[in-house]
Amino acid sequence: MPKIAWARKLYNAYNNVKKGDTVYDKNNNIIGTADGYFARCTATSPGAVCLKNDTELIWVSGDVEKKCDKSWIFQGKY
């Protein structure tokens, strides 16, 4: 049986992460939960999502991969 390599489907965080969604890093550590604040897309930026965790607010911008219902894996650096 031949091995099949499936491409990952990546989404823009600004367009797909909704309020209350949990975002993880590549190592399955929780970055935070989307609190409903977003920075709009521009000609030079893909937009950003504000994530809230226990100690701080973190703005992430870039690609995310769907993990399961209401959770995402962030593909960039934050």
PDB file of N, CA and C in Angstrom:
ATOM      1  N   MET A   1       0.851  -1.172   0.000  1.00  0.00           N
ATOM      2  CA  MET A   1       0.000   0.000   0.000  1.00  0.00           C
ATOM      3  C   MET A   1       0.896   1.234   0.000  1.00  0.00           C
ATOM      4  N   PRO A   2       0.721   2.142  -0.956  1.00  0.00           N
ATOM      5  CA  PRO A   2       1.561   3.348  -1.006  1.00  0.00           C
ATOM      6  C   PRO A   2       1.193   4.333   0.105  1.00  0.00           C
ATOM      7  N   LYS A   3       2.206   5.061   0.557  1.00  0.00           N
ATOM      8  CA  LYS A   3       1.959   6.096   1.554  1.00  0.00           C
ATOM      9  C   LYS A   3       1.381   7.316   0.853  1.00  0.00           C
ATOM     10  N   ILE A   4       0.420   7.953   1.499  1.00  0.00           N
ATOM     11  CA  ILE A   4      -0.213   9.141   0.934  1.00  0.00           C
ATOM     12  C   ILE A   4       0.062  10.307   1.869  1.00  0.00           C
ATOM     13  N   ALA A   5       0.605  11.372   1.328  1.00  0.00           N
ATOM     14  CA  ALA A   5       0.865  12.581   2.114  1.00  0.00           C
ATOM     15  C   ALA A   5      -0.277  13.563   1.880  1.00  0.00           C
ATOM     16  N   TRP A   6      -1.014  13.848   2.922  1.00  0.00           N
ATOM     17  CA  TRP A   6      -2.112  14.799   2.822  1.00  0.00           C
ATOM     18  C   TRP A   6      -1.615  16.185   3.194  1.00  0.00           C
ATOM     19  N   ALA A   7      -2.010  17.151   2.433  1.00  0.00           N
ATOM     20  CA  ALA A   7      -1.641  18.533   2.728  1.00  0.00           C
ATOM     21  C   ALA A   7      -2.502  19.054   3.877  1.00  0.00           C
ATOM     22  N   ARG A   8      -1.871  19.835   4.744  1.00  0.00           N
ATOM     23  CA  ARG A   8      -2.628  20.441   5.833  1.00  0.00           C
ATOM     24  C   ARG A   8      -3.434  21.599   5.278  1.00  0.00           C
ATOM     25  N   LYS A   9      -4.604  21.807   5.800  1.00  0.00           N
ATOM     26  CA  LYS A   9      -5.437  22.930   5.379  1.00  0.00           C
ATOM     27  C   LYS A   9      -5.247  24.050   6.397  1.00  0.00           C
ATOM     28  N   LEU A  10      -4.665  25.165   5.936  1.00  0.00           N
ATOM     29  CA  LEU A  10      -4.405  26.306   6.803  1.00  0.00           C
ATOM     30  C   LEU A  10      -5.413  27.402   6.528  1.00  0.00           C
ATOM     31  N   TYR A  11      -5.789  28.107   7.579  1.00  0.00           N
ATOM     32  CA  TYR A  11      -6.749  29.202   7.492  1.00  0.00           C
ATOM     33  C   TYR A  11      -6.121  30.468   8.064  1.00  0.00           C
ATOM     34  N   ASN A  12      -6.647  31.625   7.677  1.00  0.00           N
ATOM     35  CA  ASN A  12      -6.212  32.893   8.245  1.00  0.00           C
ATOM     36  C   ASN A  12      -6.877  33.044   9.611  1.00  0.00           C
ATOM     37  N   ALA A  13      -6.096  33.341  10.639  1.00  0.00           N
ATOM     38  CA  ALA A  13      -6.623  33.461  12.001  1.00  0.00           C
ATOM     39  C   ALA A  13      -7.703  34.541  12.091  1.00  0.00           C
ATOM     40  N   TYR A  14      -7.488  35.678  11.447  1.00  0.00           N
ATOM     41  CA  TYR A  14      -8.434  36.789  11.527  1.00  0.00           C
ATOM     42  C   TYR A  14      -9.813  36.411  11.004  1.00  0.00           C
ATOM     43  N   ASN A  15      -9.858  35.642   9.938  1.00  0.00           N
ATOM     44  CA  ASN A  15     -11.136  35.302   9.313  1.00  0.00           C
ATOM     45  C   ASN A  15     -11.827  34.099   9.943  1.00  0.00           C
ATOM     46  N   ASN A  16     -11.129  33.266  10.682  1.00  0.00           N
ATOM     47  CA  ASN A  16     -11.713  32.003  11.126  1.00  0.00           C
ATOM     48  C   ASN A  16     -11.827  31.811  12.630  1.00  0.00           C
ATOM     49  N   VAL A  17     -10.923  32.372  13.413  1.00  0.00           N
ATOM     50  CA  VAL A  17     -11.002  32.226  14.865  1.00  0.00           C
ATOM     51  C   VAL A  17     -12.106  33.146  15.372  1.00  0.00           C
ATOM     52  N   LYS A  18     -13.033  32.582  16.119  1.00  0.00           N
ATOM     53  CA  LYS A  18     -14.172  33.339  16.654  1.00  0.00           C
ATOM     54  C   LYS A  18     -14.039  33.501  18.168  1.00  0.00           C
ATOM     55  N   LYS A  19     -14.836  34.390  18.737  1.00  0.00           N
ATOM     56  CA  LYS A  19     -14.816  34.631  20.177  1.00  0.00           C
ATOM     57  C   LYS A  19     -15.086  33.322  20.921  1.00  0.00           C
ATOM     58  N   GLY A  20     -14.234  33.015  21.900  1.00  0.00           N
ATOM     59  CA  GLY A  20     -14.387  31.803  22.695  1.00  0.00           C
ATOM     60  C   GLY A  20     -13.590  30.611  22.197  1.00  0.00           C
ATOM     61  N   ASP A  21     -13.007  30.703  20.998  1.00  0.00           N
ATOM     62  CA  ASP A  21     -12.189  29.610  20.461  1.00  0.00           C
ATOM     63  C   ASP A  21     -10.838  29.571  21.185  1.00  0.00           C
ATOM     64  N   THR A  22     -10.327  28.372  21.404  1.00  0.00           N
ATOM     65  CA  THR A  22      -9.028  28.177  22.054  1.00  0.00           C
ATOM     66  C   THR A  22      -7.962  27.994  20.991  1.00  0.00           C
ATOM     67  N   VAL A  23      -6.808  28.642  21.190  1.00  0.00           N
ATOM     68  CA  VAL A  23      -5.706  28.544  20.234  1.00  0.00           C
ATOM     69  C   VAL A  23      -4.500  27.927  20.937  1.00  0.00           C
ATOM     70  N   TYR A  24      -3.909  26.916  20.293  1.00  0.00           N
ATOM     71  CA  TYR A  24      -2.744  26.206  20.809  1.00  0.00           C
ATOM     72  C   TYR A  24      -1.536  26.528  19.943  1.00  0.00           C
ATOM     73  N   ASP A  25      -0.328  26.347  20.496  1.00  0.00           N
ATOM     74  CA  ASP A  25       0.880  26.461  19.671  1.00  0.00           C
ATOM     75  C   ASP A  25       1.181  25.089  19.064  1.00  0.00           C
ATOM     76  N   LYS A  26       2.290  24.980  18.331  1.00  0.00           N
ATOM     77  CA  LYS A  26       2.634  23.727  17.649  1.00  0.00           C
ATOM     78  C   LYS A  26       2.944  22.588  18.613  1.00  0.00           C
ATOM     79  N   ASN A  27       3.267  22.910  19.866  1.00  0.00           N
ATOM     80  CA  ASN A  27       3.595  21.889  20.867  1.00  0.00           C
ATOM     81  C   ASN A  27       2.401  21.532  21.746  1.00  0.00           C
ATOM     82  N   ASN A  28       1.198  21.910  21.335  1.00  0.00           N
ATOM     83  CA  ASN A  28      -0.049  21.658  22.060  1.00  0.00           C
ATOM     84  C   ASN A  28      -0.129  22.355  23.410  1.00  0.00           C
ATOM     85  N   ASN A  29       0.530  23.499  23.548  1.00  0.00           N
ATOM     86  CA  ASN A  29       0.389  24.336  24.735  1.00  0.00           C
ATOM     87  C   ASN A  29      -0.645  25.410  24.419  1.00  0.00           C
ATOM     88  N   ILE A  30      -1.509  25.692  25.368  1.00  0.00           N
ATOM     89  CA  ILE A  30      -2.547  26.701  25.134  1.00  0.00           C
ATOM     90  C   ILE A  30      -1.911  28.085  25.101  1.00  0.00           C
ATOM     91  N   ILE A  31      -2.163  28.819  24.013  1.00  0.00           N
ATOM     92  CA  ILE A  31      -1.729  30.217  23.926  1.00  0.00           C
ATOM     93  C   ILE A  31      -2.766  31.082  24.620  1.00  0.00           C
ATOM     94  N   GLY A  32      -4.032  30.837  24.328  1.00  0.00           N
ATOM     95  CA  GLY A  32      -5.103  31.606  24.941  1.00  0.00           C
ATOM     96  C   GLY A  32      -6.438  31.355  24.276  1.00  0.00           C
ATOM     97  N   THR A  33      -7.430  32.097  24.739  1.00  0.00           N
ATOM     98  CA  THR A  33      -8.785  32.011  24.215  1.00  0.00           C
ATOM     99  C   THR A  33      -9.134  33.347  23.577  1.00  0.00           C
ATOM    100  N   ALA A  34      -9.723  33.305  22.400  1.00  0.00           N
ATOM    101  CA  ALA A  34     -10.091  34.542  21.691  1.00  0.00           C
ATOM    102  C   ALA A  34     -11.122  35.307  22.509  1.00  0.00           C
ATOM    103  N   ASP A  35     -10.846  36.586  22.758  1.00  0.00           N
ATOM    104  CA  ASP A  35     -11.740  37.386  23.588  1.00  0.00           C
ATOM    105  C   ASP A  35     -12.676  38.293  22.791  1.00  0.00           C
ATOM    106  N   GLY A  36     -12.621  38.223  21.474  1.00  0.00           N
ATOM    107  CA  GLY A  36     -13.555  38.986  20.655  1.00  0.00           C
ATOM    108  C   GLY A  36     -12.987  40.249  20.052  1.00  0.00           C
ATOM    109  N   TYR A  37     -11.721  40.573  20.310  1.00  0.00           N
ATOM    110  CA  TYR A  37     -11.091  41.746  19.717  1.00  0.00           C
ATOM    111  C   TYR A  37     -10.231  41.319  18.532  1.00  0.00           C
ATOM    112  N   PHE A  38     -10.367  42.049  17.432  1.00  0.00           N
ATOM    113  CA  PHE A  38      -9.659  41.723  16.200  1.00  0.00           C
ATOM    114  C   PHE A  38      -9.087  42.999  15.594  1.00  0.00           C
ATOM    115  N   ALA A  39      -7.914  42.896  14.955  1.00  0.00           N
ATOM    116  CA  ALA A  39      -7.324  44.010  14.212  1.00  0.00           C
ATOM    117  C   ALA A  39      -7.532  43.709  12.729  1.00  0.00           C
ATOM    118  N   ARG A  40      -8.086  44.637  12.010  1.00  0.00           N
ATOM    119  CA  ARG A  40      -8.458  44.419  10.611  1.00  0.00           C
ATOM    120  C   ARG A  40      -7.266  44.170   9.703  1.00  0.00           C
ATOM    121  N   CYS A  41      -7.542  43.473   8.616  1.00  0.00           N
ATOM    122  CA  CYS A  41      -6.531  43.223   7.590  1.00  0.00           C
ATOM    123  C   CYS A  41      -6.184  44.529   6.882  1.00  0.00           C
ATOM    124  N   THR A  42      -4.921  44.649   6.449  1.00  0.00           N
ATOM    125  CA  THR A  42      -4.490  45.784   5.640  1.00  0.00           C
ATOM    126  C   THR A  42      -3.750  45.245   4.426  1.00  0.00           C
ATOM    127  N   ALA A  43      -3.180  46.133   3.648  1.00  0.00           N
ATOM    128  CA  ALA A  43      -2.432  45.708   2.467  1.00  0.00           C
ATOM    129  C   ALA A  43      -1.153  44.959   2.851  1.00  0.00           C
ATOM    130  N   THR A  44      -0.623  45.212   4.046  1.00  0.00           N
ATOM    131  CA  THR A  44       0.623  44.581   4.460  1.00  0.00           C
ATOM    132  C   THR A  44       0.466  43.618   5.638  1.00  0.00           C
ATOM    133  N   SER A  45      -0.734  43.468   6.185  1.00  0.00           N
ATOM    134  CA  SER A  45      -0.959  42.611   7.342  1.00  0.00           C
ATOM    135  C   SER A  45      -2.181  41.725   7.115  1.00  0.00           C
ATOM    136  N   PRO A  46      -2.111  40.448   7.536  1.00  0.00           N
ATOM    137  CA  PRO A  46      -3.259  39.564   7.355  1.00  0.00           C
ATOM    138  C   PRO A  46      -4.331  39.707   8.436  1.00  0.00           C
ATOM    139  N   GLY A  47      -4.200  40.686   9.315  1.00  0.00           N
ATOM    140  CA  GLY A  47      -5.149  40.847  10.413  1.00  0.00           C
ATOM    141  C   GLY A  47      -4.636  40.120  11.643  1.00  0.00           C
ATOM    142  N   ALA A  48      -5.237  40.387  12.805  1.00  0.00           N
ATOM    143  CA  ALA A  48      -4.765  39.780  14.051  1.00  0.00           C
ATOM    144  C   ALA A  48      -5.945  39.468  14.964  1.00  0.00           C
ATOM    145  N   VAL A  49      -5.712  38.515  15.864  1.00  0.00           N
ATOM    146  CA  VAL A  49      -6.708  38.096  16.849  1.00  0.00           C
ATOM    147  C   VAL A  49      -6.103  38.281  18.230  1.00  0.00           C
ATOM    148  N   CYS A  50      -6.864  38.842  19.153  1.00  0.00           N
ATOM    149  CA  CYS A  50      -6.395  39.017  20.523  1.00  0.00           C
ATOM    150  C   CYS A  50      -6.791  37.777  21.331  1.00  0.00           C
ATOM    151  N   LEU A  51      -5.785  37.164  21.975  1.00  0.00           N
ATOM    152  CA  LEU A  51      -6.021  35.985  22.804  1.00  0.00           C
ATOM    153  C   LEU A  51      -5.767  36.338  24.262  1.00  0.00           C
ATOM    154  N   LYS A  52      -6.607  35.822  25.126  1.00  0.00           N
ATOM    155  CA  LYS A  52      -6.494  36.097  26.549  1.00  0.00           C
ATOM    156  C   LYS A  52      -6.149  34.795  27.267  1.00  0.00           C
ATOM    157  N   ASN A  53      -5.104  34.840  28.102  1.00  0.00           N
ATOM    158  CA  ASN A  53      -4.815  33.706  28.969  1.00  0.00           C
ATOM    159  C   ASN A  53      -4.804  34.206  30.409  1.00  0.00           C
ATOM    160  N   ASP A  54      -4.316  33.414  31.339  1.00  0.00           N
ATOM    161  CA  ASP A  54      -4.379  33.775  32.761  1.00  0.00           C
ATOM    162  C   ASP A  54      -3.628  35.050  33.107  1.00  0.00           C
ATOM    163  N   THR A  55      -2.524  35.333  32.391  1.00  0.00           N
ATOM    164  CA  THR A  55      -1.659  36.432  32.806  1.00  0.00           C
ATOM    165  C   THR A  55      -1.589  37.610  31.848  1.00  0.00           C
ATOM    166  N   GLU A  56      -1.921  37.416  30.567  1.00  0.00           N
ATOM    167  CA  GLU A  56      -1.700  38.498  29.608  1.00  0.00           C
ATOM    168  C   GLU A  56      -2.608  38.384  28.390  1.00  0.00           C
ATOM    169  N   LEU A  57      -2.574  39.451  27.586  1.00  0.00           N
ATOM    170  CA  LEU A  57      -3.241  39.465  26.286  1.00  0.00           C
ATOM    171  C   LEU A  57      -2.177  39.301  25.211  1.00  0.00           C
ATOM    172  N   ILE A  58      -2.437  38.443  24.234  1.00  0.00           N
ATOM    173  CA  ILE A  58      -1.474  38.162  23.169  1.00  0.00           C
ATOM    174  C   ILE A  58      -2.159  38.374  21.832  1.00  0.00           C
ATOM    175  N   TRP A  59      -1.514  39.144  20.953  1.00  0.00           N
ATOM    176  CA  TRP A  59      -2.027  39.335  19.601  1.00  0.00           C
ATOM    177  C   TRP A  59      -1.295  38.377  18.671  1.00  0.00           C
ATOM    178  N   VAL A  60      -2.050  37.554  17.934  1.00  0.00           N
ATOM    179  CA  VAL A  60      -1.455  36.640  16.964  1.00  0.00           C
ATOM    180  C   VAL A  60      -1.988  36.967  15.581  1.00  0.00           C
ATOM    181  N   SER A  61      -1.117  36.790  14.597  1.00  0.00           N
ATOM    182  CA  SER A  61      -1.469  37.079  13.217  1.00  0.00           C
ATOM    183  C   SER A  61      -0.840  36.017  12.338  1.00  0.00           C
ATOM    184  N   GLY A  62      -1.618  35.450  11.452  1.00  0.00           N
ATOM    185  CA  GLY A  62      -1.058  34.455  10.548  1.00  0.00           C
ATOM    186  C   GLY A  62      -1.983  33.274  10.348  1.00  0.00           C
ATOM    187  N   ASP A  63      -1.384  32.123  10.055  1.00  0.00           N
ATOM    188  CA  ASP A  63      -2.143  30.930   9.714  1.00  0.00           C
ATOM    189  C   ASP A  63      -2.439  30.068  10.940  1.00  0.00           C
ATOM    190  N   VAL A  64      -3.610  29.444  10.920  1.00  0.00           N
ATOM    191  CA  VAL A  64      -4.010  28.480  11.936  1.00  0.00           C
ATOM    192  C   VAL A  64      -4.513  27.224  11.237  1.00  0.00           C
ATOM    193  N   GLU A  65      -4.428  26.110  11.947  1.00  0.00           N
ATOM    194  CA  GLU A  65      -4.929  24.839  11.438  1.00  0.00           C
ATOM    195  C   GLU A  65      -6.048  24.375  12.369  1.00  0.00           C
ATOM    196  N   LYS A  66      -7.156  23.906  11.805  1.00  0.00           N
ATOM    197  CA  LYS A  66      -8.285  23.449  12.597  1.00  0.00           C
ATOM    198  C   LYS A  66      -7.904  22.199  13.371  1.00  0.00           C
ATOM    199  N   LYS A  67      -8.105  22.207  14.687  1.00  0.00           N
ATOM    200  CA  LYS A  67      -7.785  21.058  15.522  1.00  0.00           C
ATOM    201  C   LYS A  67      -9.042  20.230  15.758  1.00  0.00           C
ATOM    202  N   CYS A  68     -10.038  20.810  16.318  1.00  0.00           N
ATOM    203  CA  CYS A  68     -11.345  20.190  16.509  1.00  0.00           C
ATOM    204  C   CYS A  68     -12.331  21.332  16.728  1.00  0.00           C
ATOM    205  N   ASP A  69     -13.519  21.015  17.120  1.00  0.00           N
ATOM    206  CA  ASP A  69     -14.529  22.046  17.294  1.00  0.00           C
ATOM    207  C   ASP A  69     -14.064  23.110  18.287  1.00  0.00           C
ATOM    208  N   LYS A  70     -14.026  24.359  17.842  1.00  0.00           N
ATOM    209  CA  LYS A  70     -13.664  25.529  18.649  1.00  0.00           C
ATOM    210  C   LYS A  70     -12.232  25.530  19.154  1.00  0.00           C
ATOM    211  N   SER A  71     -11.309  24.871  18.451  1.00  0.00           N
ATOM    212  CA  SER A  71      -9.898  24.993  18.813  1.00  0.00           C
ATOM    213  C   SER A  71      -9.042  24.970  17.553  1.00  0.00           C
ATOM    214  N   TRP A  72      -7.897  25.669  17.634  1.00  0.00           N
ATOM    215  CA  TRP A  72      -7.019  25.886  16.492  1.00  0.00           C
ATOM    216  C   TRP A  72      -5.579  25.703  16.908  1.00  0.00           C
ATOM    217  N   ILE A  73      -4.701  25.383  15.951  1.00  0.00           N
ATOM    218  CA  ILE A  73      -3.259  25.310  16.187  1.00  0.00           C
ATOM    219  C   ILE A  73      -2.616  26.443  15.408  1.00  0.00           C
ATOM    220  N   PHE A  74      -1.974  27.374  16.124  1.00  0.00           N
ATOM    221  CA  PHE A  74      -1.326  28.521  15.487  1.00  0.00           C
ATOM    222  C   PHE A  74      -0.005  28.087  14.880  1.00  0.00           C
ATOM    223  N   GLN A  75       0.260  28.452  13.635  1.00  0.00           N
ATOM    224  CA  GLN A  75       1.425  27.988  12.894  1.00  0.00           C
ATOM    225  C   GLN A  75       2.622  28.928  12.951  1.00  0.00           C
ATOM    226  N   GLY A  76       2.455  30.122  13.454  1.00  0.00           N
ATOM    227  CA  GLY A  76       3.550  31.091  13.460  1.00  0.00           C
ATOM    228  C   GLY A  76       4.157  31.285  14.838  1.00  0.00           C
ATOM    229  N   LYS A  77       4.938  32.362  14.953  1.00  0.00           N
ATOM    230  CA  LYS A  77       5.522  32.758  16.231  1.00  0.00           C
ATOM    231  C   LYS A  77       4.655  33.819  16.838  1.00  0.00           C
ATOM    232  N   TYR A  78       4.555  33.845  18.147  1.00  0.00           N
ATOM    233  CA  TYR A  78       3.753  34.862  18.829  1.00  0.00           C
ATOM    234  C   TYR A  78       4.573  35.569  19.866  1.00  0.00           C
TER     235      TYR A  78
END
